[in-house]
Amino acid sequence: MTGFARADGQHELCSWCWEIKSVNAKGLDIRCRLASGFESLEAAVRDRLSKTLKRGNVTVNLTVDWLQVSGGYQINPDLVDLAIAAVPEIEARLVSPAPTRAADILALRGVVELVEQKLTDAQRDRMKALMVSDLNQGIEALDKMRSEEGQRLSSVLTDQLDQIAKLSGLAKSNSACQPQAIRSRLQNQISEILDGLGNFPEDRMAQEVALLVTKADIREEIDRLIAHEQAARSYLVANGAIGRKLDFLCQEFNREANTLCSKSSDVSLTQIGLDLKTYVERFREQIQNIE
């Protein structure tokens, strides 16, 4: 499911910001981009997210802004020496080189370095504890947003299940799928095939018709469609992760709709089967957003 959450925090030495983004996925994939020096928080991030979420591609960003830099800046003497040593050679290749100034050397990347904030173990542990607390708030906000989206999707999925139930009922009441209609149609077809071929034993005819009727009977498929539809409704009102269960039901929905179409020899019944496949596919697309 999709979602976004942000949580900010502050310490006497720095401020930070958690950003958590989630998009649809069959499983749970967590990617962390944590500020330098706080990479050890990744284990806590993964542990807390995996306890709350079951599906989704989740990206977690942690940025840190230092409020003061006690170490200030320093010059990298090794890079300065390399730059000065290279100046004569570079100027020898130029037609009219301008005089090299100290500012030119200082402007080179890496010559002037920012001294990292020096933290005591107690300060760093305190910061991490506060950051984890803010992380928990961010995860709760993300979970709430995903839950609200799930509630909105529930009404959409219920409407689609209503359509599946309606079409299943139409298929069940369709005269073309009644055993007597199937038997009569097959008897006529067999009679046309055997016309002019001589006598055909009536008992053998009855056996063949019974076998074909059994193969053409779609009542079991319709009953399973109705059972799957009722199971899907029960999942929608259940607590916990239901996305994978609904994924499985979609496979079953599709299997029964395909069988209905393959067994049907009536245009109206085939159309019902095709409409069923359409709503099953819409249902399948929507449940990718469900955890």
Protein backbone atom coordinates (compact mmCIF):
# COMPACT_ATOMS: atom_id res chain seq x y z
CA MET A 1 0.00 0.00 0.00
CA THR A 2 1.11 3.54 -0.61
CA GLY A 3 1.86 5.99 2.17
CA PHE A 4 4.20 8.70 3.40
CA ALA A 5 5.18 9.86 6.86
CA ARG A 6 7.64 12.38 8.28
CA ALA A 7 8.93 12.71 11.83
CA ASP A 8 11.27 15.45 13.07
CA GLY A 9 13.38 15.60 16.20
CA GLN A 10 16.07 17.70 17.84
CA HIS A 11 18.95 17.43 20.27
CA GLU A 12 21.16 20.15 21.69
CA LEU A 13 23.75 19.36 19.01
CA CYS A 14 21.64 18.53 15.95
CA SER A 15 18.19 18.13 14.42
CA TRP A 16 16.99 15.25 12.27
CA CYS A 17 14.20 14.19 9.98
CA TRP A 18 12.80 10.75 9.21
CA GLU A 19 10.96 10.26 5.92
CA ILE A 20 9.23 6.95 5.28
CA LYS A 21 7.67 6.15 1.90
CA SER A 22 5.74 3.04 0.94
CA VAL A 23 4.51 1.77 -2.44
CA ASN A 24 2.77 -1.44 -3.47
CA ALA A 25 4.60 -4.77 -3.54
CA LYS A 26 3.79 -8.45 -3.06
CA GLY A 27 6.28 -8.76 -0.19
CA LEU A 28 8.09 -6.44 2.20
CA ASP A 29 11.24 -4.77 0.87
CA ILE A 30 12.93 -2.19 3.11
CA ARG A 31 15.61 0.20 1.88
CA CYS A 32 17.46 2.51 4.28
CA ARG A 33 19.39 5.69 3.58
CA LEU A 34 20.74 6.84 6.93
CA ALA A 35 22.93 9.83 7.76
CA SER A 36 26.64 9.23 8.18
CA GLY A 37 27.45 8.00 11.65
CA PHE A 38 24.00 6.56 12.27
CA GLU A 39 24.11 3.50 10.02
CA SER A 40 23.78 1.28 13.10
CA LEU A 41 20.12 2.34 13.34
CA GLU A 42 19.27 0.24 10.28
CA ALA A 43 18.66 -2.86 12.42
CA ALA A 44 16.15 -0.96 14.55
CA VAL A 45 14.44 0.41 11.41
CA ARG A 46 14.02 -3.02 9.87
CA ASP A 47 12.87 -4.60 13.13
CA ARG A 48 10.16 -2.02 13.77
CA LEU A 49 8.91 -1.88 10.19
CA SER A 50 8.71 -5.68 9.85
CA LYS A 51 6.60 -5.84 13.02
CA THR A 52 4.13 -3.30 11.64
CA LEU A 53 4.06 -3.88 7.86
CA LYS A 54 3.78 -7.09 5.86
CA ARG A 55 3.83 -5.80 2.27
CA GLY A 56 5.28 -2.89 0.36
CA ASN A 57 8.48 -1.38 -0.98
CA VAL A 58 9.48 0.89 1.90
CA THR A 59 12.19 3.56 1.69
CA VAL A 60 13.46 5.13 4.92
CA ASN A 61 15.58 8.30 4.88
CA LEU A 62 17.29 9.86 7.89
CA THR A 63 18.92 13.29 7.48
CA VAL A 64 20.85 15.04 10.25
CA ASP A 65 21.66 18.77 10.47
CA TRP A 66 24.26 19.74 13.02
CA LEU A 67 23.42 22.86 15.01
CA GLN A 68 27.03 23.51 15.94
CA VAL A 69 30.37 22.30 14.70
CA SER A 70 32.86 22.46 17.52
CA GLY A 71 35.69 21.16 15.37
CA GLY A 72 35.32 23.88 12.70
CA TYR A 73 37.39 23.54 9.52
CA GLN A 74 40.94 22.39 8.80
CA ILE A 75 43.35 22.30 5.87
CA ASN A 76 44.38 19.00 4.35
CA PRO A 77 48.18 19.50 4.06
CA ASP A 78 48.72 16.49 1.81
CA LEU A 79 46.35 17.82 -0.84
CA VAL A 80 47.90 21.29 -0.55
CA ASP A 81 51.38 19.84 -1.20
CA LEU A 82 50.14 17.87 -4.20
CA ALA A 83 48.42 20.94 -5.67
CA ILE A 84 51.46 23.19 -5.22
CA ALA A 85 53.77 20.57 -6.76
CA ALA A 86 51.49 20.26 -9.79
CA VAL A 87 51.22 24.02 -10.44
CA PRO A 88 54.56 24.45 -12.34
CA GLU A 89 53.86 21.55 -14.65
CA ILE A 90 50.36 22.80 -15.42
CA GLU A 91 51.51 26.39 -16.01
CA ALA A 92 54.23 25.15 -18.38
CA ARG A 93 51.55 23.77 -20.68
CA LEU A 94 49.57 27.02 -20.80
CA VAL A 95 50.31 29.86 -23.23
CA SER A 96 49.63 32.77 -20.87
CA PRO A 97 48.90 31.37 -17.41
CA ALA A 98 47.55 33.71 -14.77
CA PRO A 99 49.43 33.84 -11.50
CA THR A 100 48.37 31.12 -9.09
CA ARG A 101 46.87 32.45 -5.86
CA ALA A 102 46.36 30.79 -2.52
CA ALA A 103 42.60 31.13 -3.01
CA ASP A 104 42.88 28.91 -6.09
CA ILE A 105 44.47 26.17 -4.03
CA LEU A 106 41.95 26.51 -1.21
CA ALA A 107 39.06 26.25 -3.69
CA LEU A 108 40.08 22.73 -4.71
CA ARG A 109 37.76 20.03 -3.44
CA GLY A 110 39.03 18.37 -0.28
CA VAL A 111 41.67 20.95 0.61
CA VAL A 112 39.42 22.56 3.22
CA GLU A 113 37.74 19.88 5.33
CA LEU A 114 34.87 20.10 7.78
CA VAL A 115 35.84 18.56 11.08
CA GLU A 116 33.16 16.14 12.21
CA GLN A 117 31.31 16.77 15.41
CA LYS A 118 32.96 14.92 18.25
CA LEU A 119 30.40 13.11 20.36
CA THR A 120 30.76 11.22 23.57
CA ASP A 121 29.28 7.75 23.75
CA ALA A 122 26.59 9.06 26.09
CA GLN A 123 25.63 11.84 23.66
CA ARG A 124 25.46 9.46 20.71
CA ASP A 125 23.39 6.90 22.64
CA ARG A 126 21.00 9.66 23.74
CA MET A 127 20.61 10.87 20.17
CA LYS A 128 19.93 7.37 18.87
CA ALA A 129 17.30 6.79 21.55
CA LEU A 130 15.51 10.00 20.59
CA MET A 131 15.79 9.16 16.89
CA VAL A 132 14.28 5.71 17.42
CA SER A 133 11.42 7.27 19.37
CA ASP A 134 10.71 9.63 16.45
CA LEU A 135 11.05 6.69 14.04
CA ASN A 136 8.28 4.89 15.93
CA GLN A 137 6.06 7.94 15.56
CA GLY A 138 6.76 8.01 11.84
CA ILE A 139 5.91 4.33 11.45
CA GLU A 140 2.65 4.82 13.35
CA ALA A 141 1.74 7.73 11.07
CA LEU A 142 2.56 5.65 7.99
CA ASP A 143 0.51 2.73 9.25
CA LYS A 144 -2.43 5.05 9.95
CA MET A 145 -2.28 6.48 6.43
CA ARG A 146 -2.17 2.99 4.93
CA SER A 147 -5.12 1.92 7.11
CA GLU A 148 -7.17 4.89 5.93
CA GLU A 149 -6.38 4.00 2.33
CA GLY A 150 -7.42 0.41 3.04
CA GLN A 151 -10.77 1.58 4.39
CA ARG A 152 -11.39 3.57 1.23
CA LEU A 153 -10.45 0.60 -0.92
CA SER A 154 -12.74 -1.67 1.08
CA SER A 155 -15.85 -0.03 -0.38
CA VAL A 156 -14.42 -0.35 -3.90
CA LEU A 157 -13.64 -4.03 -3.40
CA THR A 158 -17.09 -4.63 -1.89
CA ASP A 159 -18.72 -3.11 -4.99
CA GLN A 160 -16.66 -5.40 -7.22
CA LEU A 161 -17.63 -8.43 -5.13
CA ASP A 162 -21.26 -7.37 -5.50
CA GLN A 163 -20.85 -7.50 -9.26
CA ILE A 164 -19.16 -10.91 -9.08
CA ALA A 165 -22.01 -12.18 -6.89
CA LYS A 166 -24.60 -10.75 -9.30
CA LEU A 167 -22.97 -12.39 -12.32
CA SER A 168 -22.62 -15.70 -10.48
CA GLY A 169 -26.34 -15.57 -9.73
CA LEU A 170 -27.14 -14.84 -13.38
CA ALA A 171 -25.01 -17.77 -14.48
CA LYS A 172 -26.69 -20.08 -11.97
CA SER A 173 -30.18 -19.11 -13.15
CA ASN A 174 -29.29 -19.15 -16.84
CA SER A 175 -31.44 -21.72 -18.59
CA ALA A 176 -28.54 -22.83 -20.76
CA CYS A 177 -26.69 -24.28 -17.78
CA GLN A 178 -29.57 -26.37 -16.46
CA PRO A 179 -28.97 -30.13 -16.78
CA GLN A 180 -32.17 -30.71 -18.75
CA ALA A 181 -31.25 -28.04 -21.27
CA ILE A 182 -27.73 -29.44 -21.63
CA ARG A 183 -29.09 -32.98 -22.03
CA SER A 184 -31.62 -31.94 -24.67
CA ARG A 185 -29.03 -29.97 -26.63
CA LEU A 186 -26.54 -32.83 -26.59
CA GLN A 187 -29.18 -35.37 -27.61
CA ASN A 188 -30.07 -33.27 -30.63
CA GLN A 189 -26.41 -32.88 -31.57
CA ILE A 190 -25.75 -36.61 -31.27
CA SER A 191 -28.89 -37.43 -33.24
CA GLU A 192 -27.73 -35.18 -36.09
CA ILE A 193 -24.30 -36.82 -36.09
CA LEU A 194 -25.76 -40.35 -36.09
CA ASP A 195 -28.47 -39.61 -38.65
CA GLY A 196 -28.13 -42.09 -41.47
CA LEU A 197 -25.57 -44.24 -39.65
CA GLY A 198 -28.09 -46.87 -38.64
CA ASN A 199 -29.46 -47.80 -35.28
CA PHE A 200 -27.55 -46.72 -32.22
CA PRO A 201 -28.33 -48.50 -28.96
CA GLU A 202 -30.42 -46.32 -26.73
CA ASP A 203 -28.55 -47.38 -23.61
CA ARG A 204 -25.26 -46.41 -25.23
CA MET A 205 -26.84 -43.12 -26.27
CA ALA A 206 -27.91 -42.50 -22.67
CA GLN A 207 -24.39 -43.23 -21.41
CA GLU A 208 -22.78 -40.85 -23.87
CA VAL A 209 -25.27 -38.09 -23.13
CA ALA A 210 -24.81 -38.53 -19.38
CA LEU A 211 -21.03 -38.28 -19.76
CA LEU A 212 -21.25 -35.13 -21.89
CA VAL A 213 -23.78 -33.56 -19.52
CA THR A 214 -21.40 -34.13 -16.63
CA LYS A 215 -18.56 -32.43 -18.52
CA ALA A 216 -20.77 -29.51 -19.56
CA ASP A 217 -22.36 -28.97 -16.13
CA ILE A 218 -21.03 -25.74 -14.58
CA ARG A 219 -23.01 -25.79 -11.35
CA GLU A 220 -19.93 -26.77 -9.33
CA GLU A 221 -17.95 -23.86 -10.76
CA ILE A 222 -20.74 -21.45 -9.92
CA ASP A 223 -21.00 -22.82 -6.38
CA ARG A 224 -17.26 -22.32 -5.93
CA LEU A 225 -17.49 -18.78 -7.28
CA ILE A 226 -20.16 -17.98 -4.70
CA ALA A 227 -18.09 -19.59 -1.93
CA HIS A 228 -14.97 -17.59 -2.94
CA GLU A 229 -16.98 -14.38 -3.02
CA GLN A 230 -18.28 -14.98 0.48
CA ALA A 231 -14.76 -15.82 1.72
CA ALA A 232 -13.43 -12.57 0.22
CA ARG A 233 -16.08 -10.58 2.09
CA SER A 234 -15.09 -12.21 5.37
CA TYR A 235 -11.43 -11.31 4.76
CA LEU A 236 -12.31 -7.67 4.12
CA VAL A 237 -13.77 -7.29 7.61
CA ALA A 238 -11.06 -9.36 9.34
CA ASN A 239 -8.11 -7.97 11.26
CA GLY A 240 -4.50 -8.43 10.21
CA ALA A 241 -2.84 -8.92 6.82
CA ILE A 242 -5.24 -10.22 4.16
CA GLY A 243 -3.53 -9.26 0.90
CA ARG A 244 -2.00 -12.64 0.14
CA LYS A 245 -5.22 -14.46 1.02
CA LEU A 246 -7.09 -12.26 -1.44
CA ASP A 247 -4.37 -12.91 -4.02
CA PHE A 248 -5.08 -16.62 -3.73
CA LEU A 249 -8.84 -16.09 -4.01
CA CYS A 250 -8.30 -14.08 -7.19
CA GLN A 251 -6.52 -17.04 -8.73
CA GLU A 252 -9.48 -19.24 -7.81
CA PHE A 253 -11.98 -16.68 -9.14
CA ASN A 254 -10.14 -16.58 -12.44
CA ARG A 255 -9.90 -20.37 -12.67
CA GLU A 256 -13.65 -20.83 -12.21
CA ALA A 257 -14.48 -18.04 -14.68
CA ASN A 258 -12.18 -19.62 -17.29
CA THR A 259 -13.80 -23.02 -16.79
CA LEU A 260 -17.25 -21.50 -17.11
CA CYS A 261 -16.31 -19.94 -20.44
CA SER A 262 -14.70 -23.12 -21.74
CA LYS A 263 -17.71 -25.29 -20.85
CA SER A 264 -20.32 -22.84 -22.12
CA SER A 265 -21.97 -23.45 -25.48
CA ASP A 266 -24.44 -20.59 -25.06
CA VAL A 267 -23.68 -17.00 -26.10
CA SER A 268 -25.39 -15.42 -23.09
CA LEU A 269 -23.57 -17.71 -20.64
CA THR A 270 -20.24 -17.05 -22.32
CA GLN A 271 -20.84 -13.31 -22.01
CA ILE A 272 -21.50 -13.74 -18.29
CA GLY A 273 -18.20 -15.59 -18.00
CA LEU A 274 -16.33 -12.82 -19.82
CA ASP A 275 -17.91 -10.17 -17.59
CA LEU A 276 -16.86 -12.21 -14.58
CA LYS A 277 -13.27 -12.25 -15.81
CA THR A 278 -13.39 -8.46 -16.20
CA TYR A 279 -14.50 -7.86 -12.62
CA VAL A 280 -12.09 -10.46 -11.27
CA GLU A 281 -9.22 -8.65 -12.99
CA ARG A 282 -10.35 -5.31 -11.54
CA PHE A 283 -10.53 -6.93 -8.12
CA ARG A 284 -7.03 -8.37 -8.56
CA GLU A 285 -5.60 -4.96 -9.49
CA GLN A 286 -7.10 -3.32 -6.41
CA ILE A 287 -5.95 -5.91 -3.89
CA GLN A 288 -2.34 -5.19 -4.83
CA ASN A 289 -2.90 -2.13 -2.62
CA ILE A 290 -4.04 -4.23 0.33
CA GLU A 291 -1.72 -5.48 3.04
